[in-house]
Amino acid sequence: MSDFSIWEVLFLLCFAVSWPVSIAKSLRTKVVIGKSPLFMSLIILGYIFGIIHKSLYSNDIVIWLYVFNAALVSFDLFLYFLYIGRNRRELMNQNPQK
């Protein structure tokens, strides 16, 4: 186990606090219009690369922050696909001329 960087930990903790806010809003409102599944997928991919790096070169406890963050974003992406169809139907019902 190597020494970890406090800056990396703080970076990951900031995101670990931010994603639940997004998730809570999606669960409360069931509105995901405006979220980007491509963006969330790229963020997940970034966390996966971080996990791979930690596993290969710097195996320390910080890897679990990468895993936790990846799980949060994955859940947010799941909510996107769960609610997007309903959101689009509601939007079409509000603007039937389109």
C-alpha atoms as a PDB file:
ATOM      1  CA  MET A   1       0.000   0.000   0.000  1.00  0.00           C
ATOM      2  CA  SER A   2       1.324   3.389  -0.945  1.00  0.00           C
ATOM      3  CA  ASP A   3       0.719   6.769   0.589  1.00  0.00           C
ATOM      4  CA  PHE A   4      -2.277   8.436  -0.968  1.00  0.00           C
ATOM      5  CA  SER A   5      -2.683  12.053  -1.966  1.00  0.00           C
ATOM      6  CA  ILE A   6      -4.988  14.136   0.204  1.00  0.00           C
ATOM      7  CA  TRP A   7      -5.767  16.187  -2.911  1.00  0.00           C
ATOM      8  CA  GLU A   8      -7.010  13.124  -4.751  1.00  0.00           C
ATOM      9  CA  VAL A   9      -9.148  12.203  -1.744  1.00  0.00           C
ATOM     10  CA  LEU A  10     -10.620  15.714  -1.528  1.00  0.00           C
ATOM     11  CA  PHE A  11     -11.328  15.713  -5.278  1.00  0.00           C
ATOM     12  CA  LEU A  12     -13.180  12.403  -5.039  1.00  0.00           C
ATOM     13  CA  LEU A  13     -15.050  13.447  -1.898  1.00  0.00           C
ATOM     14  CA  CYS A  14     -16.332  16.583  -3.624  1.00  0.00           C
ATOM     15  CA  PHE A  15     -17.796  14.432  -6.364  1.00  0.00           C
ATOM     16  CA  ALA A  16     -19.063  11.905  -3.822  1.00  0.00           C
ATOM     17  CA  VAL A  17     -21.102  14.720  -2.266  1.00  0.00           C
ATOM     18  CA  SER A  18     -22.260  16.182  -5.590  1.00  0.00           C
ATOM     19  CA  TRP A  19     -23.676  13.067  -7.245  1.00  0.00           C
ATOM     20  CA  PRO A  20     -26.187  12.272  -4.474  1.00  0.00           C
ATOM     21  CA  VAL A  21     -27.641  15.767  -4.960  1.00  0.00           C
ATOM     22  CA  SER A  22     -28.262  14.961  -8.622  1.00  0.00           C
ATOM     23  CA  ILE A  23     -29.672  11.542  -7.735  1.00  0.00           C
ATOM     24  CA  ALA A  24     -31.981  12.981  -5.066  1.00  0.00           C
ATOM     25  CA  LYS A  25     -33.344  15.555  -7.521  1.00  0.00           C
ATOM     26  CA  SER A  26     -34.037  12.841 -10.102  1.00  0.00           C
ATOM     27  CA  LEU A  27     -35.763  10.655  -7.523  1.00  0.00           C
ATOM     28  CA  ARG A  28     -37.812  13.568  -6.148  1.00  0.00           C
ATOM     29  CA  THR A  29     -38.897  15.120  -9.455  1.00  0.00           C
ATOM     30  CA  LYS A  30     -38.559  12.136 -11.811  1.00  0.00           C
ATOM     31  CA  VAL A  31     -37.323  14.659 -14.391  1.00  0.00           C
ATOM     32  CA  VAL A  32     -34.090  13.877 -16.230  1.00  0.00           C
ATOM     33  CA  ILE A  33     -34.503  16.082 -19.299  1.00  0.00           C
ATOM     34  CA  GLY A  34     -31.284  18.057 -19.620  1.00  0.00           C
ATOM     35  CA  LYS A  35     -29.033  15.327 -18.261  1.00  0.00           C
ATOM     36  CA  SER A  36     -26.579  13.845 -20.714  1.00  0.00           C
ATOM     37  CA  PRO A  37     -26.177  10.065 -20.771  1.00  0.00           C
ATOM     38  CA  LEU A  38     -23.018  10.487 -22.861  1.00  0.00           C
ATOM     39  CA  PHE A  39     -21.516  12.791 -20.239  1.00  0.00           C
ATOM     40  CA  MET A  40     -22.391  10.404 -17.407  1.00  0.00           C
ATOM     41  CA  SER A  41     -20.983   7.464 -19.379  1.00  0.00           C
ATOM     42  CA  LEU A  42     -17.702   9.312 -19.918  1.00  0.00           C
ATOM     43  CA  ILE A  43     -17.519  10.126 -16.206  1.00  0.00           C
ATOM     44  CA  ILE A  44     -18.050   6.436 -15.374  1.00  0.00           C
ATOM     45  CA  LEU A  45     -15.324   5.522 -17.868  1.00  0.00           C
ATOM     46  CA  GLY A  46     -12.997   8.017 -16.191  1.00  0.00           C
ATOM     47  CA  TYR A  47     -13.646   6.433 -12.815  1.00  0.00           C
ATOM     48  CA  ILE A  48     -12.990   2.989 -14.304  1.00  0.00           C
ATOM     49  CA  PHE A  49      -9.649   4.251 -15.609  1.00  0.00           C
ATOM     50  CA  GLY A  50      -8.914   5.614 -12.128  1.00  0.00           C
ATOM     51  CA  ILE A  51      -9.727   2.208 -10.630  1.00  0.00           C
ATOM     52  CA  ILE A  52      -7.430   0.493 -13.145  1.00  0.00           C
ATOM     53  CA  HIS A  53      -4.621   2.954 -12.392  1.00  0.00           C
ATOM     54  CA  LYS A  54      -5.021   2.478  -8.653  1.00  0.00           C
ATOM     55  CA  SER A  55      -5.062  -1.311  -9.062  1.00  0.00           C
ATOM     56  CA  LEU A  56      -1.908  -1.375 -11.162  1.00  0.00           C
ATOM     57  CA  TYR A  57       0.262   1.446  -9.828  1.00  0.00           C
ATOM     58  CA  SER A  58      -0.965   2.829  -6.535  1.00  0.00           C
ATOM     59  CA  ASN A  59      -3.123   0.269  -4.789  1.00  0.00           C
ATOM     60  CA  ASP A  60      -4.439   2.099  -1.740  1.00  0.00           C
ATOM     61  CA  ILE A  61      -7.716   2.712   0.029  1.00  0.00           C
ATOM     62  CA  VAL A  62      -8.584   5.604  -2.299  1.00  0.00           C
ATOM     63  CA  ILE A  63      -9.638   3.028  -4.900  1.00  0.00           C
ATOM     64  CA  TRP A  64     -12.876   2.636  -2.926  1.00  0.00           C
ATOM     65  CA  LEU A  65     -13.713   6.308  -3.504  1.00  0.00           C
ATOM     66  CA  TYR A  66     -13.401   5.673  -7.235  1.00  0.00           C
ATOM     67  CA  VAL A  67     -15.657   2.617  -6.923  1.00  0.00           C
ATOM     68  CA  PHE A  68     -18.193   4.537  -4.809  1.00  0.00           C
ATOM     69  CA  ASN A  69     -18.274   7.462  -7.245  1.00  0.00           C
ATOM     70  CA  ALA A  70     -18.626   5.129 -10.231  1.00  0.00           C
ATOM     71  CA  ALA A  71     -21.551   3.440  -8.484  1.00  0.00           C
ATOM     72  CA  LEU A  72     -23.228   6.802  -7.816  1.00  0.00           C
ATOM     73  CA  VAL A  73     -22.916   7.945 -11.417  1.00  0.00           C
ATOM     74  CA  SER A  74     -24.058   4.534 -12.656  1.00  0.00           C
ATOM     75  CA  PHE A  75     -27.180   4.835 -10.503  1.00  0.00           C
ATOM     76  CA  ASP A  76     -27.802   8.343 -11.857  1.00  0.00           C
ATOM     77  CA  LEU A  77     -27.440   6.959 -15.400  1.00  0.00           C
ATOM     78  CA  PHE A  78     -29.882   4.158 -14.527  1.00  0.00           C
ATOM     79  CA  LEU A  79     -32.395   6.779 -13.347  1.00  0.00           C
ATOM     80  CA  TYR A  80     -31.939   8.652 -16.613  1.00  0.00           C
ATOM     81  CA  PHE A  81     -32.971   5.625 -18.651  1.00  0.00           C
ATOM     82  CA  LEU A  82     -35.751   4.805 -16.190  1.00  0.00           C
ATOM     83  CA  TYR A  83     -37.399   8.244 -16.471  1.00  0.00           C
ATOM     84  CA  ILE A  84     -36.465   9.596 -19.921  1.00  0.00           C
ATOM     85  CA  GLY A  85     -39.278   7.868 -21.803  1.00  0.00           C
ATOM     86  CA  ARG A  86     -41.880   9.249 -19.418  1.00  0.00           C
ATOM     87  CA  ASN A  87     -40.302  12.723 -19.602  1.00  0.00           C
ATOM     88  CA  ARG A  88     -40.413  12.723 -23.397  1.00  0.00           C
ATOM     89  CA  ARG A  89     -44.059  11.594 -23.443  1.00  0.00           C
ATOM     90  CA  GLU A  90     -45.010  14.328 -20.983  1.00  0.00           C
ATOM     91  CA  LEU A  91     -43.156  16.897 -23.055  1.00  0.00           C
ATOM     92  CA  MET A  92     -44.942  15.766 -26.230  1.00  0.00           C
ATOM     93  CA  ASN A  93     -48.320  15.968 -24.466  1.00  0.00           C
ATOM     94  CA  GLN A  94     -47.561  19.554 -23.446  1.00  0.00           C
ATOM     95  CA  ASN A  95     -46.504  20.529 -26.997  1.00  0.00           C
ATOM     96  CA  PRO A  96     -48.580  18.367 -29.364  1.00  0.00           C
ATOM     97  CA  GLN A  97     -47.800  20.532 -32.421  1.00  0.00           C
ATOM     98  CA  LYS A  98     -44.184  19.280 -32.526  1.00  0.00           C
END
